[in-house]
Amino acid sequence: MTNTARTFLITGVSSGLGRAFAVAALAAGHTVVGTVRKDADAADFSAVQPQRAHARVLDVTDDDAVLAVVGEVEQTVGPIDVLIANAGYGLEGTFEETPLSALRAQFDVNVFGAAATIQAVLPFMRARRRGHILAVTSMGGLAGFPGVSAYCGSKYALEGILESVGKEVAALGIHVTAVEPGSFRTDWAGRSMTRAPRSIADYDDLFDPIREARQEASGRQLGDPARAAAAVLHILDVPEPPHHLVLGSDALRVIRAGRDAVDQDLATWRELSLSTDFPQDR
């Protein structure tokens, strides 16, 4: 499919990058089914383009509801050509101070919500032997940061799922792309951020400046959501789309530094790594 009108399913279109992806796709002439959590947000999204913007109220942690919505969209709107699993949120806090219940909730949305949506669209795309699955991870899915361990953990998990799924479906005409944004001018670090309570003074010197810097940077991030959306639309028309789409100069810098650190460990500890094999003559 090249330069043709497509049907998109995008989760989490009420604000942020999800909204930017949806608006750009609609402006390009595509049909977009966008999921939201509230009726008011559904009405707001449908009004963007009444003929081609279709809202569905959906909690992505409800597996049965995800399956039902995908099936209904396939029946009533049309075959889903592009899935963008975008719904998610950030959880800030040191690991020791983050309640396990909050960690589980983070994974429920960021990992299992995306996984449920991907599983729901796969049978239809597989039958048609075409489709493109994209999921929004983060630069924090390829490089860890102090103070957002739960968030980074969820994005690392999603990265692993996407890389494996991509290899499973490549021969079936289905593309899979992990979208790794840096800091974009959205509400992610503001009202959308969930914050674990502070209780351990030993982390004050490390964590307090991190939280303060993040709050001060909110609304002044380098990344432009509209430009991110244009980049995502661009790769839909290339014959071999990337498995990883890094968005933002900060994301490029952070991910490259993280990869360099891994490469350094590989080189430094190479002989120790090799020493764990059985001897070659056995």
C-alpha atoms as a PDB file:
ATOM      1  CA  MET A   1       0.000   0.000   0.000  1.00  0.00           C
ATOM      2  CA  THR A   2       1.632   3.230  -1.132  1.00  0.00           C
ATOM      3  CA  ASN A   3       0.061   6.678  -0.890  1.00  0.00           C
ATOM      4  CA  THR A   4      -3.390   5.145  -0.455  1.00  0.00           C
ATOM      5  CA  ALA A   5      -6.094   5.874   2.068  1.00  0.00           C
ATOM      6  CA  ARG A   6      -5.818   3.579   5.071  1.00  0.00           C
ATOM      7  CA  THR A   7      -7.832   2.746   8.138  1.00  0.00           C
ATOM      8  CA  PHE A   8      -5.941   3.387  11.376  1.00  0.00           C
ATOM      9  CA  LEU A   9      -6.656   2.153  14.882  1.00  0.00           C
ATOM     10  CA  ILE A  10      -4.876   4.407  17.361  1.00  0.00           C
ATOM     11  CA  THR A  11      -5.213   3.920  21.108  1.00  0.00           C
ATOM     12  CA  GLY A  12      -5.134   6.945  23.396  1.00  0.00           C
ATOM     13  CA  VAL A  13      -6.080   9.844  21.105  1.00  0.00           C
ATOM     14  CA  SER A  14      -7.443  12.280  23.654  1.00  0.00           C
ATOM     15  CA  SER A  15      -4.114  14.120  23.940  1.00  0.00           C
ATOM     16  CA  GLY A  16      -0.371  13.953  23.415  1.00  0.00           C
ATOM     17  CA  LEU A  17       1.313  11.974  20.668  1.00  0.00           C
ATOM     18  CA  GLY A  18      -1.768   9.824  20.100  1.00  0.00           C
ATOM     19  CA  ARG A  19      -3.784  12.913  19.270  1.00  0.00           C
ATOM     20  CA  ALA A  20      -1.037  14.223  16.993  1.00  0.00           C
ATOM     21  CA  PHE A  21      -0.828  10.899  15.118  1.00  0.00           C
ATOM     22  CA  ALA A  22      -4.597  10.848  14.644  1.00  0.00           C
ATOM     23  CA  VAL A  23      -4.892  14.464  13.490  1.00  0.00           C
ATOM     24  CA  ALA A  24      -2.066  14.028  10.985  1.00  0.00           C
ATOM     25  CA  ALA A  25      -3.560  10.813   9.596  1.00  0.00           C
ATOM     26  CA  LEU A  26      -6.957  12.477   9.195  1.00  0.00           C
ATOM     27  CA  ALA A  27      -5.390  15.495   7.492  1.00  0.00           C
ATOM     28  CA  ALA A  28      -3.688  13.108   5.058  1.00  0.00           C
ATOM     29  CA  GLY A  29      -7.057  11.641   4.068  1.00  0.00           C
ATOM     30  CA  HIS A  30      -7.007   8.471   6.150  1.00  0.00           C
ATOM     31  CA  THR A  31      -9.770   7.068   8.342  1.00  0.00           C
ATOM     32  CA  VAL A  32      -8.951   6.896  12.041  1.00  0.00           C
ATOM     33  CA  VAL A  33     -10.604   4.939  14.806  1.00  0.00           C
ATOM     34  CA  GLY A  34      -9.298   6.428  18.027  1.00  0.00           C
ATOM     35  CA  THR A  35      -9.788   5.046  21.507  1.00  0.00           C
ATOM     36  CA  VAL A  36     -10.370   7.223  24.554  1.00  0.00           C
ATOM     37  CA  ARG A  37     -11.334   6.642  28.171  1.00  0.00           C
ATOM     38  CA  LYS A  38     -14.231   9.138  28.500  1.00  0.00           C
ATOM     39  CA  ASP A  39     -17.421   9.881  26.578  1.00  0.00           C
ATOM     40  CA  ALA A  40     -16.573  13.586  26.449  1.00  0.00           C
ATOM     41  CA  ASP A  41     -13.246  12.808  24.804  1.00  0.00           C
ATOM     42  CA  ALA A  42     -15.033  10.556  22.304  1.00  0.00           C
ATOM     43  CA  ALA A  43     -17.317  13.381  21.237  1.00  0.00           C
ATOM     44  CA  ASP A  44     -14.384  15.751  20.983  1.00  0.00           C
ATOM     45  CA  PHE A  45     -12.395  13.391  18.767  1.00  0.00           C
ATOM     46  CA  SER A  46     -15.302  12.561  16.466  1.00  0.00           C
ATOM     47  CA  ALA A  47     -15.782  16.267  15.853  1.00  0.00           C
ATOM     48  CA  VAL A  48     -12.273  16.604  14.387  1.00  0.00           C
ATOM     49  CA  GLN A  49     -13.431  15.064  11.118  1.00  0.00           C
ATOM     50  CA  PRO A  50     -17.002  13.755  11.390  1.00  0.00           C
ATOM     51  CA  GLN A  51     -16.806  11.539   8.302  1.00  0.00           C
ATOM     52  CA  ARG A  52     -13.482   9.825   9.012  1.00  0.00           C
ATOM     53  CA  ALA A  53     -12.815  10.198  12.764  1.00  0.00           C
ATOM     54  CA  HIS A  54     -14.457   7.396  14.727  1.00  0.00           C
ATOM     55  CA  ALA A  55     -14.138   7.315  18.500  1.00  0.00           C
ATOM     56  CA  ARG A  56     -14.423   4.257  20.716  1.00  0.00           C
ATOM     57  CA  VAL A  57     -14.444   4.366  24.513  1.00  0.00           C
ATOM     58  CA  LEU A  58     -12.042   1.657  25.619  1.00  0.00           C
ATOM     59  CA  ASP A  59      -9.978   0.593  28.607  1.00  0.00           C
ATOM     60  CA  VAL A  60      -7.027  -1.217  27.036  1.00  0.00           C
ATOM     61  CA  THR A  61      -6.557  -3.280  30.214  1.00  0.00           C
ATOM     62  CA  ASP A  62      -9.921  -4.978  29.534  1.00  0.00           C
ATOM     63  CA  ASP A  63      -8.873  -7.825  27.236  1.00  0.00           C
ATOM     64  CA  ASP A  64     -12.412  -8.787  26.233  1.00  0.00           C
ATOM     65  CA  ALA A  65     -13.304  -5.198  25.424  1.00  0.00           C
ATOM     66  CA  VAL A  66     -10.199  -4.822  23.262  1.00  0.00           C
ATOM     67  CA  LEU A  67     -11.134  -7.917  21.257  1.00  0.00           C
ATOM     68  CA  ALA A  68     -14.707  -6.716  20.893  1.00  0.00           C
ATOM     69  CA  VAL A  69     -13.728  -3.239  19.705  1.00  0.00           C
ATOM     70  CA  VAL A  70     -11.249  -4.555  17.134  1.00  0.00           C
ATOM     71  CA  GLY A  71     -13.817  -7.022  15.784  1.00  0.00           C
ATOM     72  CA  GLU A  72     -16.494  -4.352  15.628  1.00  0.00           C
ATOM     73  CA  VAL A  73     -14.185  -1.904  13.826  1.00  0.00           C
ATOM     74  CA  GLU A  74     -13.293  -4.541  11.248  1.00  0.00           C
ATOM     75  CA  GLN A  75     -17.010  -5.136  10.635  1.00  0.00           C
ATOM     76  CA  THR A  76     -18.345  -1.583  10.649  1.00  0.00           C
ATOM     77  CA  VAL A  77     -15.493   0.767   9.682  1.00  0.00           C
ATOM     78  CA  GLY A  78     -13.252  -1.435   7.577  1.00  0.00           C
ATOM     79  CA  PRO A  79     -10.087  -3.509   7.601  1.00  0.00           C
ATOM     80  CA  ILE A  80      -7.492  -2.103   9.987  1.00  0.00           C
ATOM     81  CA  ASP A  81      -4.400  -1.334   7.918  1.00  0.00           C
ATOM     82  CA  VAL A  82      -2.363   0.401  10.634  1.00  0.00           C
ATOM     83  CA  LEU A  83      -2.376  -0.091  14.387  1.00  0.00           C
ATOM     84  CA  ILE A  84      -0.647   2.463  16.585  1.00  0.00           C
ATOM     85  CA  ALA A  85      -0.650   1.143  20.148  1.00  0.00           C
ATOM     86  CA  ASN A  86      -0.059   4.437  21.880  1.00  0.00           C
ATOM     87  CA  ALA A  87      -2.071   4.332  25.110  1.00  0.00           C
ATOM     88  CA  GLY A  88       0.162   4.552  28.154  1.00  0.00           C
ATOM     89  CA  TYR A  89       1.342   6.790  30.956  1.00  0.00           C
ATOM     90  CA  GLY A  90       4.417   7.599  33.006  1.00  0.00           C
ATOM     91  CA  LEU A  91       5.065   6.560  36.604  1.00  0.00           C
ATOM     92  CA  GLU A  92       7.725   8.529  38.447  1.00  0.00           C
ATOM     93  CA  GLY A  93       9.486   7.340  41.588  1.00  0.00           C
ATOM     94  CA  THR A  94      12.544   5.474  42.782  1.00  0.00           C
ATOM     95  CA  PHE A  95      12.155   1.726  42.578  1.00  0.00           C
ATOM     96  CA  GLU A  96      12.281   1.137  46.337  1.00  0.00           C
ATOM     97  CA  GLU A  97       9.593   3.750  46.944  1.00  0.00           C
ATOM     98  CA  THR A  98       7.275   2.551  44.157  1.00  0.00           C
ATOM     99  CA  PRO A  99       4.485   0.301  45.492  1.00  0.00           C
ATOM    100  CA  LEU A 100       4.255  -3.019  43.685  1.00  0.00           C
ATOM    101  CA  SER A 101       0.587  -2.283  43.027  1.00  0.00           C
ATOM    102  CA  ALA A 102       1.645   0.834  41.088  1.00  0.00           C
ATOM    103  CA  LEU A 103       4.272  -1.180  39.205  1.00  0.00           C
ATOM    104  CA  ARG A 104       1.646  -3.760  38.198  1.00  0.00           C
ATOM    105  CA  ALA A 105      -0.751  -1.027  37.082  1.00  0.00           C
ATOM    106  CA  GLN A 106       2.020   0.480  34.949  1.00  0.00           C
ATOM    107  CA  PHE A 107       2.623  -2.843  33.213  1.00  0.00           C
ATOM    108  CA  ASP A 108      -1.122  -3.473  32.829  1.00  0.00           C
ATOM    109  CA  VAL A 109      -1.481  -0.393  30.632  1.00  0.00           C
ATOM    110  CA  ASN A 110       1.906   0.033  28.973  1.00  0.00           C
ATOM    111  CA  VAL A 111       2.622  -3.639  28.293  1.00  0.00           C
ATOM    112  CA  PHE A 112      -0.514  -5.761  28.503  1.00  0.00           C
ATOM    113  CA  GLY A 113      -2.762  -3.086  27.019  1.00  0.00           C
ATOM    114  CA  ALA A 114      -0.512  -2.844  23.974  1.00  0.00           C
ATOM    115  CA  ALA A 115      -0.120  -6.631  23.809  1.00  0.00           C
ATOM    116  CA  ALA A 116      -3.882  -7.168  23.878  1.00  0.00           C
ATOM    117  CA  THR A 117      -4.413  -4.701  21.054  1.00  0.00           C
ATOM    118  CA  ILE A 118      -1.660  -6.239  18.943  1.00  0.00           C
ATOM    119  CA  GLN A 119      -3.022  -9.753  19.486  1.00  0.00           C
ATOM    120  CA  ALA A 120      -6.511  -8.572  18.533  1.00  0.00           C
ATOM    121  CA  VAL A 121      -5.490  -7.129  15.155  1.00  0.00           C
ATOM    122  CA  LEU A 122      -3.048  -9.868  14.166  1.00  0.00           C
ATOM    123  CA  PRO A 123      -5.586 -12.471  12.954  1.00  0.00           C
ATOM    124  CA  PHE A 124      -7.124  -9.943  10.547  1.00  0.00           C
ATOM    125  CA  MET A 125      -3.797  -8.652   9.241  1.00  0.00           C
ATOM    126  CA  ARG A 126      -2.464 -12.203   8.930  1.00  0.00           C
ATOM    127  CA  ALA A 127      -5.494 -13.291   6.892  1.00  0.00           C
ATOM    128  CA  ARG A 128      -4.979 -10.345   4.537  1.00  0.00           C
ATOM    129  CA  ARG A 129      -1.196 -10.781   4.463  1.00  0.00           C
ATOM    130  CA  ARG A 130      -0.669  -7.073   5.036  1.00  0.00           C
ATOM    131  CA  GLY A 131      -0.640  -4.463   7.758  1.00  0.00           C
ATOM    132  CA  HIS A 132       1.627  -2.319   9.880  1.00  0.00           C
ATOM    133  CA  ILE A 133       1.773  -2.513  13.666  1.00  0.00           C
ATOM    134  CA  LEU A 134       3.416   0.348  15.507  1.00  0.00           C
ATOM    135  CA  ALA A 135       3.686   0.741  19.258  1.00  0.00           C
ATOM    136  CA  VAL A 136       4.944   3.757  21.149  1.00  0.00           C
ATOM    137  CA  THR A 137       7.677   2.778  23.559  1.00  0.00           C
ATOM    138  CA  SER A 138      10.212   5.430  24.595  1.00  0.00           C
ATOM    139  CA  MET A 139      13.873   6.292  24.626  1.00  0.00           C
ATOM    140  CA  GLY A 140      13.380   4.831  28.120  1.00  0.00           C
ATOM    141  CA  GLY A 141      12.709   1.490  26.455  1.00  0.00           C
ATOM    142  CA  LEU A 142      16.298   1.300  25.248  1.00  0.00           C
ATOM    143  CA  ALA A 143      18.073   3.232  28.030  1.00  0.00           C
ATOM    144  CA  GLY A 144      17.156   3.317  31.707  1.00  0.00           C
ATOM    145  CA  PHE A 145      16.812   6.461  33.806  1.00  0.00           C
ATOM    146  CA  PRO A 146      16.826   6.827  37.593  1.00  0.00           C
ATOM    147  CA  GLY A 147      13.469   7.821  38.978  1.00  0.00           C
ATOM    148  CA  VAL A 148      11.310   6.139  36.337  1.00  0.00           C
ATOM    149  CA  SER A 149      12.275   2.485  36.782  1.00  0.00           C
ATOM    150  CA  ALA A 150       8.699   1.205  36.489  1.00  0.00           C
ATOM    151  CA  TYR A 151       8.109   3.173  33.304  1.00  0.00           C
ATOM    152  CA  CYS A 152      11.408   2.129  31.728  1.00  0.00           C
ATOM    153  CA  GLY A 153      10.782  -1.476  32.747  1.00  0.00           C
ATOM    154  CA  SER A 154       7.404  -1.453  31.009  1.00  0.00           C
ATOM    155  CA  LYS A 155       8.865   0.037  27.854  1.00  0.00           C
ATOM    156  CA  TYR A 156      11.788  -2.405  27.819  1.00  0.00           C
ATOM    157  CA  ALA A 157       9.246  -5.227  28.061  1.00  0.00           C
ATOM    158  CA  LEU A 158       7.233  -3.824  25.166  1.00  0.00           C
ATOM    159  CA  GLU A 159      10.402  -3.470  23.098  1.00  0.00           C
ATOM    160  CA  GLY A 160      11.146  -7.178  23.568  1.00  0.00           C
ATOM    161  CA  ILE A 161       7.632  -8.184  22.551  1.00  0.00           C
ATOM    162  CA  LEU A 162       7.732  -6.019  19.436  1.00  0.00           C
ATOM    163  CA  GLU A 163      11.120  -7.278  18.292  1.00  0.00           C
ATOM    164  CA  SER A 164      10.025 -10.904  18.629  1.00  0.00           C
ATOM    165  CA  VAL A 165       6.616 -10.376  17.033  1.00  0.00           C
ATOM    166  CA  GLY A 166       8.236  -8.559  14.136  1.00  0.00           C
ATOM    167  CA  LYS A 167      10.337 -11.625  13.377  1.00  0.00           C
ATOM    168  CA  GLU A 168       7.308 -13.923  13.678  1.00  0.00           C
ATOM    169  CA  VAL A 169       5.143 -12.016  11.187  1.00  0.00           C
ATOM    170  CA  ALA A 170       7.714 -10.667   8.726  1.00  0.00           C
ATOM    171  CA  ALA A 171       7.015 -13.454   6.238  1.00  0.00           C
ATOM    172  CA  LEU A 172       3.271 -12.771   6.475  1.00  0.00           C
ATOM    173  CA  GLY A 173       3.428  -9.287   4.997  1.00  0.00           C
ATOM    174  CA  ILE A 174       3.074  -7.512   8.343  1.00  0.00           C
ATOM    175  CA  HIS A 175       5.514  -4.814   9.439  1.00  0.00           C
ATOM    176  CA  VAL A 176       6.238  -4.068  13.107  1.00  0.00           C
ATOM    177  CA  THR A 177       7.839  -0.829  14.287  1.00  0.00           C
ATOM    178  CA  ALA A 178       8.753   0.318  17.782  1.00  0.00           C
ATOM    179  CA  VAL A 179       8.427   4.105  17.976  1.00  0.00           C
ATOM    180  CA  GLU A 180      10.904   5.505  20.520  1.00  0.00           C
ATOM    181  CA  PRO A 181      10.194   9.175  21.286  1.00  0.00           C
ATOM    182  CA  GLY A 182      12.380  11.413  23.359  1.00  0.00           C
ATOM    183  CA  SER A 183      10.909  14.359  25.249  1.00  0.00           C
ATOM    184  CA  PHE A 184       8.002  15.890  23.353  1.00  0.00           C
ATOM    185  CA  ARG A 185       5.858  18.874  24.198  1.00  0.00           C
ATOM    186  CA  THR A 186       2.911  16.937  25.595  1.00  0.00           C
ATOM    187  CA  ASP A 187       1.367  16.467  29.046  1.00  0.00           C
ATOM    188  CA  TRP A 188       3.423  13.314  29.719  1.00  0.00           C
ATOM    189  CA  ALA A 189       5.596  14.985  32.373  1.00  0.00           C
ATOM    190  CA  GLY A 190       2.750  17.160  33.634  1.00  0.00           C
ATOM    191  CA  ARG A 191      -0.815  16.185  34.436  1.00  0.00           C
ATOM    192  CA  SER A 192      -0.451  12.752  32.811  1.00  0.00           C
ATOM    193  CA  MET A 193       2.397  11.679  35.096  1.00  0.00           C
ATOM    194  CA  THR A 194       1.633   9.473  38.103  1.00  0.00           C
ATOM    195  CA  ARG A 195       4.037  10.063  40.993  1.00  0.00           C
ATOM    196  CA  ALA A 196       4.906   7.597  43.727  1.00  0.00           C
ATOM    197  CA  PRO A 197       5.038   9.133  47.218  1.00  0.00           C
ATOM    198  CA  ARG A 198       8.446   9.965  48.684  1.00  0.00           C
ATOM    199  CA  SER A 199       9.465   8.301  51.952  1.00  0.00           C
ATOM    200  CA  ILE A 200      13.209   7.528  51.956  1.00  0.00           C
ATOM    201  CA  ALA A 201      15.563  10.425  52.617  1.00  0.00           C
ATOM    202  CA  ASP A 202      18.570   8.535  51.237  1.00  0.00           C
ATOM    203  CA  TYR A 203      17.255   9.215  47.713  1.00  0.00           C
ATOM    204  CA  ASP A 204      16.717  12.957  48.172  1.00  0.00           C
ATOM    205  CA  ASP A 205      20.038  14.087  46.698  1.00  0.00           C
ATOM    206  CA  LEU A 206      19.562  11.910  43.627  1.00  0.00           C
ATOM    207  CA  PHE A 207      15.850  12.188  43.017  1.00  0.00           C
ATOM    208  CA  ASP A 208      14.783  15.688  44.058  1.00  0.00           C
ATOM    209  CA  PRO A 209      16.798  17.416  41.283  1.00  0.00           C
ATOM    210  CA  ILE A 210      15.457  14.898  38.741  1.00  0.00           C
ATOM    211  CA  ARG A 211      11.833  15.587  39.671  1.00  0.00           C
ATOM    212  CA  GLU A 212      12.426  19.345  39.737  1.00  0.00           C
ATOM    213  CA  ALA A 213      14.128  19.352  36.331  1.00  0.00           C
ATOM    214  CA  ARG A 214      11.364  17.259  34.782  1.00  0.00           C
ATOM    215  CA  GLN A 215       8.662  19.562  36.094  1.00  0.00           C
ATOM    216  CA  GLU A 216      10.530  22.669  34.939  1.00  0.00           C
ATOM    217  CA  ALA A 217      11.039  21.212  31.462  1.00  0.00           C
ATOM    218  CA  SER A 218       7.373  20.311  31.021  1.00  0.00           C
ATOM    219  CA  GLY A 219       5.970  22.440  28.200  1.00  0.00           C
ATOM    220  CA  ARG A 220       9.422  23.361  26.893  1.00  0.00           C
ATOM    221  CA  GLN A 221      10.572  20.014  25.505  1.00  0.00           C
ATOM    222  CA  LEU A 222      12.423  19.959  22.184  1.00  0.00           C
ATOM    223  CA  GLY A 223      10.068  17.538  20.460  1.00  0.00           C
ATOM    224  CA  ASP A 224       7.207  18.746  18.264  1.00  0.00           C
ATOM    225  CA  PRO A 225       4.294  16.234  18.262  1.00  0.00           C
ATOM    226  CA  ALA A 226       3.203  17.309  14.772  1.00  0.00           C
ATOM    227  CA  ARG A 227       6.668  16.558  13.387  1.00  0.00           C
ATOM    228  CA  ALA A 228       6.653  13.193  15.154  1.00  0.00           C
ATOM    229  CA  ALA A 229       3.355  12.401  13.462  1.00  0.00           C
ATOM    230  CA  ALA A 230       4.768  13.372  10.067  1.00  0.00           C
ATOM    231  CA  ALA A 231       7.711  11.017  10.630  1.00  0.00           C
ATOM    232  CA  VAL A 232       5.375   8.145  11.504  1.00  0.00           C
ATOM    233  CA  LEU A 233       3.244   8.720   8.410  1.00  0.00           C
ATOM    234  CA  HIS A 234       6.390   8.858   6.288  1.00  0.00           C
ATOM    235  CA  ILE A 235       7.533   5.331   7.150  1.00  0.00           C
ATOM    236  CA  LEU A 236       4.172   3.841   6.191  1.00  0.00           C
ATOM    237  CA  ASP A 237       5.003   4.432   2.531  1.00  0.00           C
ATOM    238  CA  VAL A 238       8.532   3.045   2.433  1.00  0.00           C
ATOM    239  CA  PRO A 239       9.062  -0.525   1.170  1.00  0.00           C
ATOM    240  CA  GLU A 240      11.120  -1.562   4.195  1.00  0.00           C
ATOM    241  CA  PRO A 241      10.008   0.453   7.228  1.00  0.00           C
ATOM    242  CA  PRO A 242      12.312   0.534  10.255  1.00  0.00           C
ATOM    243  CA  HIS A 243      11.989  -1.872  13.140  1.00  0.00           C
ATOM    244  CA  HIS A 244      12.949   1.026  15.412  1.00  0.00           C
ATOM    245  CA  LEU A 245      11.942   4.644  14.790  1.00  0.00           C
ATOM    246  CA  VAL A 246      13.762   6.955  17.189  1.00  0.00           C
ATOM    247  CA  LEU A 247      12.184  10.410  17.409  1.00  0.00           C
ATOM    248  CA  GLY A 248      14.075  13.412  18.711  1.00  0.00           C
ATOM    249  CA  SER A 249      17.664  14.558  19.078  1.00  0.00           C
ATOM    250  CA  ASP A 250      17.621  13.789  22.797  1.00  0.00           C
ATOM    251  CA  ALA A 251      16.420  10.250  22.122  1.00  0.00           C
ATOM    252  CA  LEU A 252      19.209   9.700  19.594  1.00  0.00           C
ATOM    253  CA  ARG A 253      21.793  10.934  22.097  1.00  0.00           C
ATOM    254  CA  VAL A 254      20.465   8.952  25.063  1.00  0.00           C
ATOM    255  CA  ILE A 255      19.950   5.688  23.162  1.00  0.00           C
ATOM    256  CA  ARG A 256      23.367   5.934  21.506  1.00  0.00           C
ATOM    257  CA  ALA A 257      25.010   6.458  24.907  1.00  0.00           C
ATOM    258  CA  GLY A 258      23.141   3.471  26.298  1.00  0.00           C
ATOM    259  CA  ARG A 259      24.202   1.275  23.388  1.00  0.00           C
ATOM    260  CA  ASP A 260      27.812   2.424  23.750  1.00  0.00           C
ATOM    261  CA  ALA A 261      27.740   1.445  27.436  1.00  0.00           C
ATOM    262  CA  VAL A 262      26.537  -2.054  26.527  1.00  0.00           C
ATOM    263  CA  ASP A 263      29.208  -2.329  23.830  1.00  0.00           C
ATOM    264  CA  GLN A 264      31.849  -1.351  26.372  1.00  0.00           C
ATOM    265  CA  ASP A 265      30.729  -4.081  28.774  1.00  0.00           C
ATOM    266  CA  LEU A 266      30.731  -6.611  25.935  1.00  0.00           C
ATOM    267  CA  ALA A 267      34.278  -5.722  25.029  1.00  0.00           C
ATOM    268  CA  THR A 268      35.579  -5.465  28.592  1.00  0.00           C
ATOM    269  CA  TRP A 269      34.117  -8.768  29.754  1.00  0.00           C
ATOM    270  CA  ARG A 270      34.382 -10.698  26.487  1.00  0.00           C
ATOM    271  CA  GLU A 271      36.789 -13.328  27.783  1.00  0.00           C
ATOM    272  CA  LEU A 272      34.707 -13.974  30.890  1.00  0.00           C
ATOM    273  CA  SER A 273      31.615 -14.359  28.703  1.00  0.00           C
ATOM    274  CA  LEU A 274      33.377 -16.871  26.482  1.00  0.00           C
ATOM    275  CA  SER A 275      34.710 -18.823  29.473  1.00  0.00           C
ATOM    276  CA  THR A 276      31.283 -20.246  30.329  1.00  0.00           C
ATOM    277  CA  ASP A 277      31.050 -22.526  27.254  1.00  0.00           C
ATOM    278  CA  PHE A 278      32.015 -26.201  27.426  1.00  0.00           C
ATOM    279  CA  PRO A 279      35.543 -26.699  26.111  1.00  0.00           C
ATOM    280  CA  GLN A 280      35.531 -27.080  22.316  1.00  0.00           C
ATOM    281  CA  ASP A 281      37.066 -30.565  22.412  1.00  0.00           C
ATOM    282  CA  ARG A 282      34.199 -32.060  24.408  1.00  0.00           C
END
